[in-house]
Amino acid sequence: MEQCPSSSRADRKTIEKNRRNQMKALYSKLNSLVPHQRSREVTSLPDQLDDAVNYIKKLQTNLEKMREKKEYLMGTEKSGNNNAGFVGGEVIGGLKSPQIEIEIQEMGSALQVVLITGLDYQFMFNESIRVLHEEGADIVNASFSIVEDTIFHTIHSQIGESAPGPVAARISERLKKLVNGRAGSF
């Protein structure tokens, strides 16, 4: 009968070791999904969890801002109200013309450009990408959606730390000039 207690103790140790290994793998996976603000230093598990919690809260806040923005834009579209701009968020600049609307948001080193055009202004997407590249921004993701006769372009980019001066403000100014020039010429 003594073999049973030592056998069950070994089983419990094995089960606990497997549980710890599984938790370590899950923490590692969670840590790999969170962008790191810290340098390459090794962080403790509680710090990693704090970073993950803060990142998730930031994503939730951004999601809520985007929902508000969507509701605002959908309300503007339905009511025919042409008031320019979006209230809320960290909007650097927004511009609306009869056929083109552009909004630039800076979130740390990330820059999001939302360009809304009519079907006749599809080339504005390429022009916007060109401006971002010329200013040293790296394009992370670019996508578009077409709803009836409107195209919604979204460009996510990353501003390098080595870029000189206020890059986001400079990009915003150049894109506004681009939109003003193009909208006025058609």
Protein backbone atom coordinates (compact mmCIF):
# COMPACT_ATOMS: atom_id res chain seq x y z
CA MET A 1 0.00 0.00 0.00
CA GLU A 2 2.91 2.38 0.44
CA GLN A 3 3.56 2.37 -3.27
CA CYS A 4 0.23 4.11 -3.85
CA PRO A 5 1.01 7.31 -1.84
CA SER A 6 4.46 7.76 -3.47
CA SER A 7 2.95 7.06 -6.86
CA SER A 8 0.20 9.62 -6.31
CA ARG A 9 2.80 12.13 -5.05
CA ALA A 10 4.81 11.64 -8.24
CA ASP A 11 1.63 12.04 -10.29
CA ARG A 12 0.81 15.28 -8.49
CA LYS A 13 4.34 16.58 -9.10
CA THR A 14 4.07 15.71 -12.78
CA ILE A 15 0.64 17.33 -13.06
CA GLU A 16 1.91 20.48 -11.31
CA LYS A 17 5.01 20.61 -13.52
CA ASN A 18 2.82 20.30 -16.63
CA ARG A 19 0.52 23.05 -15.32
CA ARG A 20 3.49 25.38 -14.70
CA ASN A 21 4.88 24.67 -18.18
CA GLN A 22 1.50 25.35 -19.75
CA MET A 23 1.15 28.63 -17.81
CA LYS A 24 4.68 29.64 -18.85
CA ALA A 25 3.81 28.97 -22.50
CA LEU A 26 0.58 30.98 -22.20
CA TYR A 27 2.39 33.93 -20.56
CA SER A 28 4.99 33.81 -23.28
CA LYS A 29 2.32 33.83 -25.99
CA LEU A 30 0.52 36.75 -24.32
CA ASN A 31 3.79 38.66 -24.02
CA SER A 32 4.56 38.10 -27.71
CA LEU A 33 1.19 39.66 -28.70
CA VAL A 34 1.76 42.90 -26.77
CA PRO A 35 3.90 45.63 -28.37
CA HIS A 36 6.76 46.51 -26.06
CA GLN A 37 7.47 50.07 -25.03
CA ARG A 38 10.48 49.07 -22.98
CA SER A 39 13.87 48.32 -24.40
CA ARG A 40 15.03 44.74 -24.88
CA GLU A 41 15.44 44.26 -21.13
CA VAL A 42 13.93 41.21 -19.48
CA THR A 43 10.73 42.11 -17.65
CA SER A 44 9.20 40.31 -14.71
CA LEU A 45 5.97 38.40 -15.09
CA PRO A 46 3.90 40.97 -13.13
CA ASP A 47 5.29 43.74 -15.37
CA GLN A 48 4.42 41.72 -18.47
CA LEU A 49 0.87 41.26 -17.17
CA ASP A 50 0.60 44.99 -16.38
CA ASP A 51 1.77 45.80 -19.92
CA ALA A 52 -0.84 43.42 -21.36
CA VAL A 53 -3.61 44.92 -19.21
CA ASN A 54 -2.62 48.48 -20.19
CA TYR A 55 -2.45 47.53 -23.87
CA ILE A 56 -5.90 45.91 -23.76
CA LYS A 57 -7.35 48.99 -22.03
CA LYS A 58 -5.77 51.20 -24.71
CA LEU A 59 -7.30 49.01 -27.43
CA GLN A 60 -10.70 49.21 -25.74
CA THR A 61 -10.46 53.01 -25.59
CA ASN A 62 -9.45 53.18 -29.26
CA LEU A 63 -12.31 50.86 -30.18
CA GLU A 64 -14.80 53.07 -28.36
CA LYS A 65 -13.41 56.17 -30.11
CA MET A 66 -13.72 54.44 -33.48
CA ARG A 67 -17.32 53.43 -32.70
CA GLU A 68 -18.13 57.03 -31.80
CA LYS A 69 -16.44 58.20 -34.98
CA LYS A 70 -18.40 55.68 -37.04
CA GLU A 71 -21.67 56.78 -35.45
CA TYR A 72 -20.75 60.40 -36.10
CA LEU A 73 -19.87 59.73 -39.73
CA MET A 74 -22.93 57.58 -40.30
CA GLY A 75 -25.11 60.28 -38.72
CA THR A 76 -23.46 62.94 -40.87
CA GLU A 77 -23.98 60.87 -44.00
CA LYS A 78 -27.66 60.18 -43.24
CA SER A 79 -28.59 63.70 -42.19
CA GLY A 80 -26.67 65.37 -45.00
CA ASN A 81 -24.81 67.49 -42.46
CA ASN A 82 -21.46 68.50 -43.94
CA ASN A 83 -19.75 69.78 -40.78
CA ALA A 84 -16.05 69.04 -41.11
CA GLY A 85 -14.08 67.26 -38.46
CA PHE A 86 -14.60 64.68 -35.75
CA VAL A 87 -14.85 65.67 -32.12
CA GLY A 88 -12.90 63.42 -29.78
CA GLY A 89 -9.77 61.34 -30.10
CA GLU A 90 -6.34 62.69 -30.86
CA VAL A 91 -7.07 64.17 -34.24
CA ILE A 92 -4.12 66.02 -35.71
CA GLY A 93 -5.98 67.29 -38.68
CA GLY A 94 -9.11 66.72 -40.65
CA LEU A 95 -10.34 68.19 -43.90
CA LYS A 96 -13.51 67.68 -45.84
CA SER A 97 -14.23 68.81 -49.36
CA PRO A 98 -17.25 67.88 -51.50
CA GLN A 99 -15.51 64.74 -52.80
CA ILE A 100 -12.59 64.11 -50.40
CA GLU A 101 -12.32 63.85 -46.63
CA ILE A 102 -9.07 63.12 -44.79
CA GLU A 103 -8.32 62.59 -41.13
CA ILE A 104 -4.94 61.94 -39.54
CA GLN A 105 -4.57 60.52 -36.03
CA GLU A 106 -1.31 60.10 -34.15
CA MET A 107 -1.06 57.40 -31.49
CA GLY A 108 2.51 57.41 -30.18
CA SER A 109 4.74 56.45 -33.08
CA ALA A 110 1.75 55.12 -35.04
CA LEU A 111 -0.06 57.25 -37.57
CA GLN A 112 -3.48 56.46 -39.01
CA VAL A 113 -4.75 58.17 -42.15
CA VAL A 114 -8.41 57.81 -43.06
CA LEU A 115 -9.18 59.00 -46.58
CA ILE A 116 -12.75 59.05 -47.85
CA THR A 117 -13.14 59.75 -51.55
CA GLY A 118 -15.63 59.46 -54.35
CA LEU A 119 -14.99 57.00 -57.17
CA ASP A 120 -13.43 59.80 -59.25
CA TYR A 121 -10.66 60.38 -56.67
CA GLN A 122 -9.16 56.89 -56.36
CA PHE A 123 -5.69 58.20 -57.21
CA MET A 124 -5.62 60.06 -53.85
CA PHE A 125 -4.81 56.78 -52.11
CA ASN A 126 -1.57 56.40 -54.11
CA GLU A 127 -0.71 60.05 -53.56
CA SER A 128 -1.21 59.67 -49.80
CA ILE A 129 1.04 56.60 -49.71
CA ARG A 130 3.69 58.54 -51.65
CA VAL A 131 3.60 61.42 -49.15
CA LEU A 132 3.93 59.02 -46.21
CA HIS A 133 6.93 57.32 -47.81
CA GLU A 134 8.60 60.63 -48.63
CA GLU A 135 8.26 61.68 -44.99
CA GLY A 136 9.91 58.45 -43.81
CA ALA A 137 6.81 56.67 -42.47
CA ASP A 138 6.68 52.90 -42.87
CA ILE A 139 3.33 51.58 -44.10
CA VAL A 140 2.14 48.81 -41.78
CA ASN A 141 -1.28 48.19 -43.29
CA ALA A 142 -3.45 49.75 -45.98
CA SER A 143 -7.00 48.80 -46.85
CA PHE A 144 -10.13 50.14 -48.50
CA SER A 145 -13.86 49.53 -48.64
CA ILE A 146 -16.34 50.66 -51.25
CA VAL A 147 -19.85 51.62 -50.21
CA GLU A 148 -22.04 52.75 -53.11
CA ASP A 149 -20.05 55.60 -54.71
CA THR A 150 -17.71 56.25 -51.75
CA ILE A 151 -14.32 54.68 -51.08
CA PHE A 152 -13.00 54.47 -47.50
CA HIS A 153 -9.20 54.13 -47.39
CA THR A 154 -7.36 53.42 -44.14
CA ILE A 155 -3.58 53.58 -43.92
CA HIS A 156 -1.70 52.56 -40.77
CA SER A 157 1.92 53.64 -40.65
CA GLN A 158 4.78 53.77 -38.21
CA ILE A 159 6.93 56.88 -37.79
CA GLY A 160 10.60 56.10 -37.26
CA GLU A 161 12.32 57.48 -34.17
CA SER A 162 15.13 58.84 -36.31
CA ALA A 163 12.76 61.00 -38.39
CA PRO A 164 13.58 64.69 -37.90
CA GLY A 165 11.11 67.11 -36.33
CA PRO A 166 7.36 66.83 -35.91
CA VAL A 167 6.75 64.29 -38.65
CA ALA A 168 3.04 63.77 -37.95
CA ALA A 169 2.29 67.49 -38.22
CA ARG A 170 4.34 67.75 -41.42
CA ILE A 171 2.55 64.75 -42.96
CA SER A 172 -0.81 66.20 -41.95
CA GLU A 173 0.02 69.53 -43.57
CA ARG A 174 1.23 67.92 -46.80
CA LEU A 175 -1.84 65.68 -47.07
CA LYS A 176 -4.15 68.65 -46.46
CA LYS A 177 -2.39 70.59 -49.22
CA LEU A 178 -2.65 67.58 -51.51
CA VAL A 179 -6.38 67.25 -50.85
CA ASN A 180 -6.98 71.00 -51.23
CA GLY A 181 -5.10 71.07 -54.53
CA ARG A 182 -6.79 68.00 -55.97
CA ALA A 183 -10.30 68.84 -54.79
CA GLY A 184 -10.06 72.33 -56.20
CA SER A 185 -8.82 71.15 -59.61
CA PHE A 186 -11.80 68.90 -60.34
